[in-house]
PDB file of N, CA and C in Angstrom:
ATOM      1  N   MET A   1     -25.823  57.208 -17.884  1.00  0.00           N
ATOM      2  CA  MET A   1     -27.125  57.793 -17.638  1.00  0.00           C
ATOM      3  C   MET A   1     -28.049  56.695 -17.109  1.00  0.00           C
ATOM      4  N   THR A   2     -28.853  57.046 -16.166  1.00  0.00           N
ATOM      5  CA  THR A   2     -29.796  56.080 -15.618  1.00  0.00           C
ATOM      6  C   THR A   2     -31.221  56.550 -15.870  1.00  0.00           C
ATOM      7  N   TYR A   3     -32.106  55.603 -15.893  1.00  0.00           N
ATOM      8  CA  TYR A   3     -33.525  55.875 -16.050  1.00  0.00           C
ATOM      9  C   TYR A   3     -34.237  55.425 -14.786  1.00  0.00           C
ATOM     10  N   LYS A   4     -35.421  55.995 -14.532  1.00  0.00           N
ATOM     11  CA  LYS A   4     -36.212  55.633 -13.365  1.00  0.00           C
ATOM     12  C   LYS A   4     -37.582  55.176 -13.833  1.00  0.00           C
ATOM     13  N   CYS A   5     -38.029  54.059 -13.296  1.00  0.00           N
ATOM     14  CA  CYS A   5     -39.345  53.530 -13.648  1.00  0.00           C
ATOM     15  C   CYS A   5     -40.418  54.404 -13.013  1.00  0.00           C
ATOM     16  N   PHE A   6     -41.465  54.699 -13.751  1.00  0.00           N
ATOM     17  CA  PHE A   6     -42.539  55.558 -13.251  1.00  0.00           C
ATOM     18  C   PHE A   6     -43.382  54.839 -12.203  1.00  0.00           C
ATOM     19  N   ASN A   7     -43.561  53.527 -12.354  1.00  0.00           N
ATOM     20  CA  ASN A   7     -44.421  52.781 -11.438  1.00  0.00           C
ATOM     21  C   ASN A   7     -43.712  52.359 -10.160  1.00  0.00           C
ATOM     22  N   CYS A   8     -42.588  51.660 -10.273  1.00  0.00           N
ATOM     23  CA  CYS A   8     -41.930  51.103  -9.084  1.00  0.00           C
ATOM     24  C   CYS A   8     -40.789  51.971  -8.569  1.00  0.00           C
ATOM     25  N   LYS A   9     -40.456  53.077  -9.261  1.00  0.00           N
ATOM     26  CA  LYS A   9     -39.394  54.018  -8.858  1.00  0.00           C
ATOM     27  C   LYS A   9     -38.018  53.367  -8.762  1.00  0.00           C
ATOM     28  N   ASP A  10     -37.808  52.280  -9.479  1.00  0.00           N
ATOM     29  CA  ASP A  10     -36.536  51.569  -9.483  1.00  0.00           C
ATOM     30  C   ASP A  10     -35.612  52.209 -10.514  1.00  0.00           C
ATOM     31  N   GLU A  11     -34.321  52.385 -10.175  1.00  0.00           N
ATOM     32  CA  GLU A  11     -33.363  52.960 -11.114  1.00  0.00           C
ATOM     33  C   GLU A  11     -32.802  51.865 -12.012  1.00  0.00           C
ATOM     34  N   ILE A  12     -32.751  52.153 -13.318  1.00  0.00           N
ATOM     35  CA  ILE A  12     -32.344  51.173 -14.316  1.00  0.00           C
ATOM     36  C   ILE A  12     -31.158  51.733 -15.085  1.00  0.00           C
ATOM     37  N   PRO A  13     -30.035  51.002 -15.164  1.00  0.00           N
ATOM     38  CA  PRO A  13     -28.889  51.499 -15.940  1.00  0.00           C
ATOM     39  C   PRO A  13     -29.178  51.471 -17.442  1.00  0.00           C
ATOM     40  N   GLU A  14     -28.396  52.247 -18.169  1.00  0.00           N
ATOM     41  CA  GLU A  14     -28.615  52.392 -19.617  1.00  0.00           C
ATOM     42  C   GLU A  14     -28.376  51.092 -20.376  1.00  0.00           C
ATOM     43  N   LYS A  15     -27.519  50.220 -19.872  1.00  0.00           N
ATOM     44  CA  LYS A  15     -27.208  48.965 -20.564  1.00  0.00           C
ATOM     45  C   LYS A  15     -28.435  48.071 -20.718  1.00  0.00           C
ATOM     46  N   LEU A  16     -29.336  48.091 -19.740  1.00  0.00           N
ATOM     47  CA  LEU A  16     -30.539  47.261 -19.830  1.00  0.00           C
ATOM     48  C   LEU A  16     -31.593  47.851 -20.764  1.00  0.00           C
ATOM     49  N   ILE A  17     -31.471  49.122 -21.107  1.00  0.00           N
ATOM     50  CA  ILE A  17     -32.454  49.797 -21.951  1.00  0.00           C
ATOM     51  C   ILE A  17     -32.109  49.691 -23.432  1.00  0.00           C
ATOM     52  N   GLU A  18     -30.875  49.317 -23.773  1.00  0.00           N
ATOM     53  CA  GLU A  18     -30.441  49.295 -25.176  1.00  0.00           C
ATOM     54  C   GLU A  18     -31.308  48.388 -26.050  1.00  0.00           C
ATOM     55  N   ARG A  19     -31.682  47.248 -25.523  1.00  0.00           N
ATOM     56  CA  ARG A  19     -32.459  46.297 -26.342  1.00  0.00           C
ATOM     57  C   ARG A  19     -33.951  46.629 -26.348  1.00  0.00           C
ATOM     58  N   ARG A  20     -34.534  46.745 -25.143  1.00  0.00           N
ATOM     59  CA  ARG A  20     -35.970  47.000 -25.037  1.00  0.00           C
ATOM     60  C   ARG A  20     -36.212  48.096 -24.000  1.00  0.00           C
ATOM     61  N   ILE A  21     -37.171  48.962 -24.285  1.00  0.00           N
ATOM     62  CA  ILE A  21     -37.541  49.989 -23.317  1.00  0.00           C
ATOM     63  C   ILE A  21     -38.627  49.392 -22.428  1.00  0.00           C
ATOM     64  N   ILE A  22     -38.177  48.724 -21.359  1.00  0.00           N
ATOM     65  CA  ILE A  22     -39.097  48.081 -20.424  1.00  0.00           C
ATOM     66  C   ILE A  22     -38.389  47.922 -19.086  1.00  0.00           C
ATOM     67  N   CYS A  23     -39.122  48.092 -18.000  1.00  0.00           N
ATOM     68  CA  CYS A  23     -38.551  47.944 -16.665  1.00  0.00           C
ATOM     69  C   CYS A  23     -38.380  46.450 -16.369  1.00  0.00           C
ATOM     70  N   PRO A  24     -37.170  46.016 -15.988  1.00  0.00           N
ATOM     71  CA  PRO A  24     -36.957  44.587 -15.731  1.00  0.00           C
ATOM     72  C   PRO A  24     -37.650  44.086 -14.465  1.00  0.00           C
ATOM     73  N   SER A  25     -37.976  44.962 -13.529  1.00  0.00           N
ATOM     74  CA  SER A  25     -38.580  44.497 -12.284  1.00  0.00           C
ATOM     75  C   SER A  25     -40.107  44.419 -12.347  1.00  0.00           C
ATOM     76  N   CYS A  26     -40.767  45.432 -12.958  1.00  0.00           N
ATOM     77  CA  CYS A  26     -42.240  45.406 -12.964  1.00  0.00           C
ATOM     78  C   CYS A  26     -42.849  45.281 -14.362  1.00  0.00           C
ATOM     79  N   GLY A  27     -42.057  45.461 -15.433  1.00  0.00           N
ATOM     80  CA  GLY A  27     -42.573  45.306 -16.790  1.00  0.00           C
ATOM     81  C   GLY A  27     -43.207  46.564 -17.367  1.00  0.00           C
ATOM     82  N   SER A  28     -43.117  47.679 -16.675  1.00  0.00           N
ATOM     83  CA  SER A  28     -43.707  48.928 -17.155  1.00  0.00           C
ATOM     84  C   SER A  28     -42.892  49.477 -18.323  1.00  0.00           C
ATOM     85  N   ARG A  29     -43.543  50.203 -19.207  1.00  0.00           N
ATOM     86  CA  ARG A  29     -42.849  50.810 -20.345  1.00  0.00           C
ATOM     87  C   ARG A  29     -42.724  52.319 -20.205  1.00  0.00           C
ATOM     88  N   ILE A  30     -43.044  52.847 -19.034  1.00  0.00           N
ATOM     89  CA  ILE A  30     -42.936  54.279 -18.789  1.00  0.00           C
ATOM     90  C   ILE A  30     -41.672  54.522 -17.978  1.00  0.00           C
ATOM     91  N   LEU A  31     -40.656  55.119 -18.616  1.00  0.00           N
ATOM     92  CA  LEU A  31     -39.382  55.388 -17.965  1.00  0.00           C
ATOM     93  C   LEU A  31     -39.076  56.880 -18.038  1.00  0.00           C
ATOM     94  N   ILE A  32     -38.411  57.397 -17.008  1.00  0.00           N
ATOM     95  CA  ILE A  32     -38.066  58.809 -16.915  1.00  0.00           C
ATOM     96  C   ILE A  32     -36.555  58.927 -16.822  1.00  0.00           C
ATOM     97  N   LYS A  33     -35.957  59.861 -17.573  1.00  0.00           N
ATOM     98  CA  LYS A  33     -34.523  60.112 -17.454  1.00  0.00           C
ATOM     99  C   LYS A  33     -34.265  60.846 -16.150  1.00  0.00           C
ATOM    100  N   THR A  34     -33.244  60.413 -15.418  1.00  0.00           N
ATOM    101  CA  THR A  34     -32.905  61.102 -14.179  1.00  0.00           C
ATOM    102  C   THR A  34     -32.032  62.306 -14.490  1.00  0.00           C
ATOM    103  N   ARG A  35     -32.302  63.402 -13.824  1.00  0.00           N
ATOM    104  CA  ARG A  35     -31.523  64.622 -14.014  1.00  0.00           C
ATOM    105  C   ARG A  35     -30.337  64.613 -13.069  1.00  0.00           C
ATOM    106  N   PRO A  36     -29.255  65.291 -13.446  1.00  0.00           N
ATOM    107  CA  PRO A  36     -28.104  65.360 -12.547  1.00  0.00           C
ATOM    108  C   PRO A  36     -28.430  66.190 -11.303  1.00  0.00           C
ATOM    109  N   GLU A  37     -27.717  65.920 -10.228  1.00  0.00           N
ATOM    110  CA  GLU A  37     -27.939  66.617  -8.957  1.00  0.00           C
ATOM    111  C   GLU A  37     -27.392  68.048  -8.978  1.00  0.00           C
ATOM    112  N   ILE A  38     -26.479  68.338  -9.913  1.00  0.00           N
ATOM    113  CA  ILE A  38     -25.832  69.644  -9.977  1.00  0.00           C
ATOM    114  C   ILE A  38     -26.792  70.678 -10.573  1.00  0.00           C
ATOM    115  N   ILE A  39     -26.925  71.809  -9.895  1.00  0.00           N
ATOM    116  CA  ILE A  39     -27.782  72.881 -10.373  1.00  0.00           C
ATOM    117  C   ILE A  39     -26.890  73.993 -10.920  1.00  0.00           C
ATOM    118  N   LYS A  40     -27.113  74.357 -12.177  1.00  0.00           N
ATOM    119  CA  LYS A  40     -26.315  75.408 -12.799  1.00  0.00           C
ATOM    120  C   LYS A  40     -26.984  76.761 -12.570  1.00  0.00           C
ATOM    121  N   LYS A  41     -26.171  77.754 -12.200  1.00  0.00           N
ATOM    122  CA  LYS A  41     -26.670  79.109 -12.031  1.00  0.00           C
ATOM    123  C   LYS A  41     -26.124  79.957 -13.173  1.00  0.00           C
ATOM    124  N   VAL A  42     -27.013  80.695 -13.828  1.00  0.00           N
ATOM    125  CA  VAL A  42     -26.640  81.533 -14.958  1.00  0.00           C
ATOM    126  C   VAL A  42     -26.996  82.964 -14.613  1.00  0.00           C
ATOM    127  N   LYS A  43     -26.050  83.879 -14.815  1.00  0.00           N
ATOM    128  CA  LYS A  43     -26.305  85.293 -14.532  1.00  0.00           C
ATOM    129  C   LYS A  43     -27.149  85.901 -15.642  1.00  0.00           C
ATOM    130  N   ALA A  44     -28.074  86.757 -15.248  1.00  0.00           N
ATOM    131  CA  ALA A  44     -28.895  87.466 -16.223  1.00  0.00           C
ATOM    132  C   ALA A  44     -28.098  88.619 -16.813  1.00  0.00           C
ATOM    133  N   LEU A  45     -28.391  88.958 -18.034  1.00  0.00           N
ATOM    134  CA  LEU A  45     -27.665  90.064 -18.689  1.00  0.00           C
ATOM    135  C   LEU A  45     -28.226  91.401 -18.317  1.00  0.00           C
TER     136      LEU A  45
END
């Protein structure tokens, strides 16, 4: 799973987040989980 920095939009792998929740490039503490590209379709009942 990867995270995306809110300020610099840089993608950060999960290994760098295990110790501290901080962006290594800009130092921001606001990170967003990236969603998968696959869109699931569910039929209505």
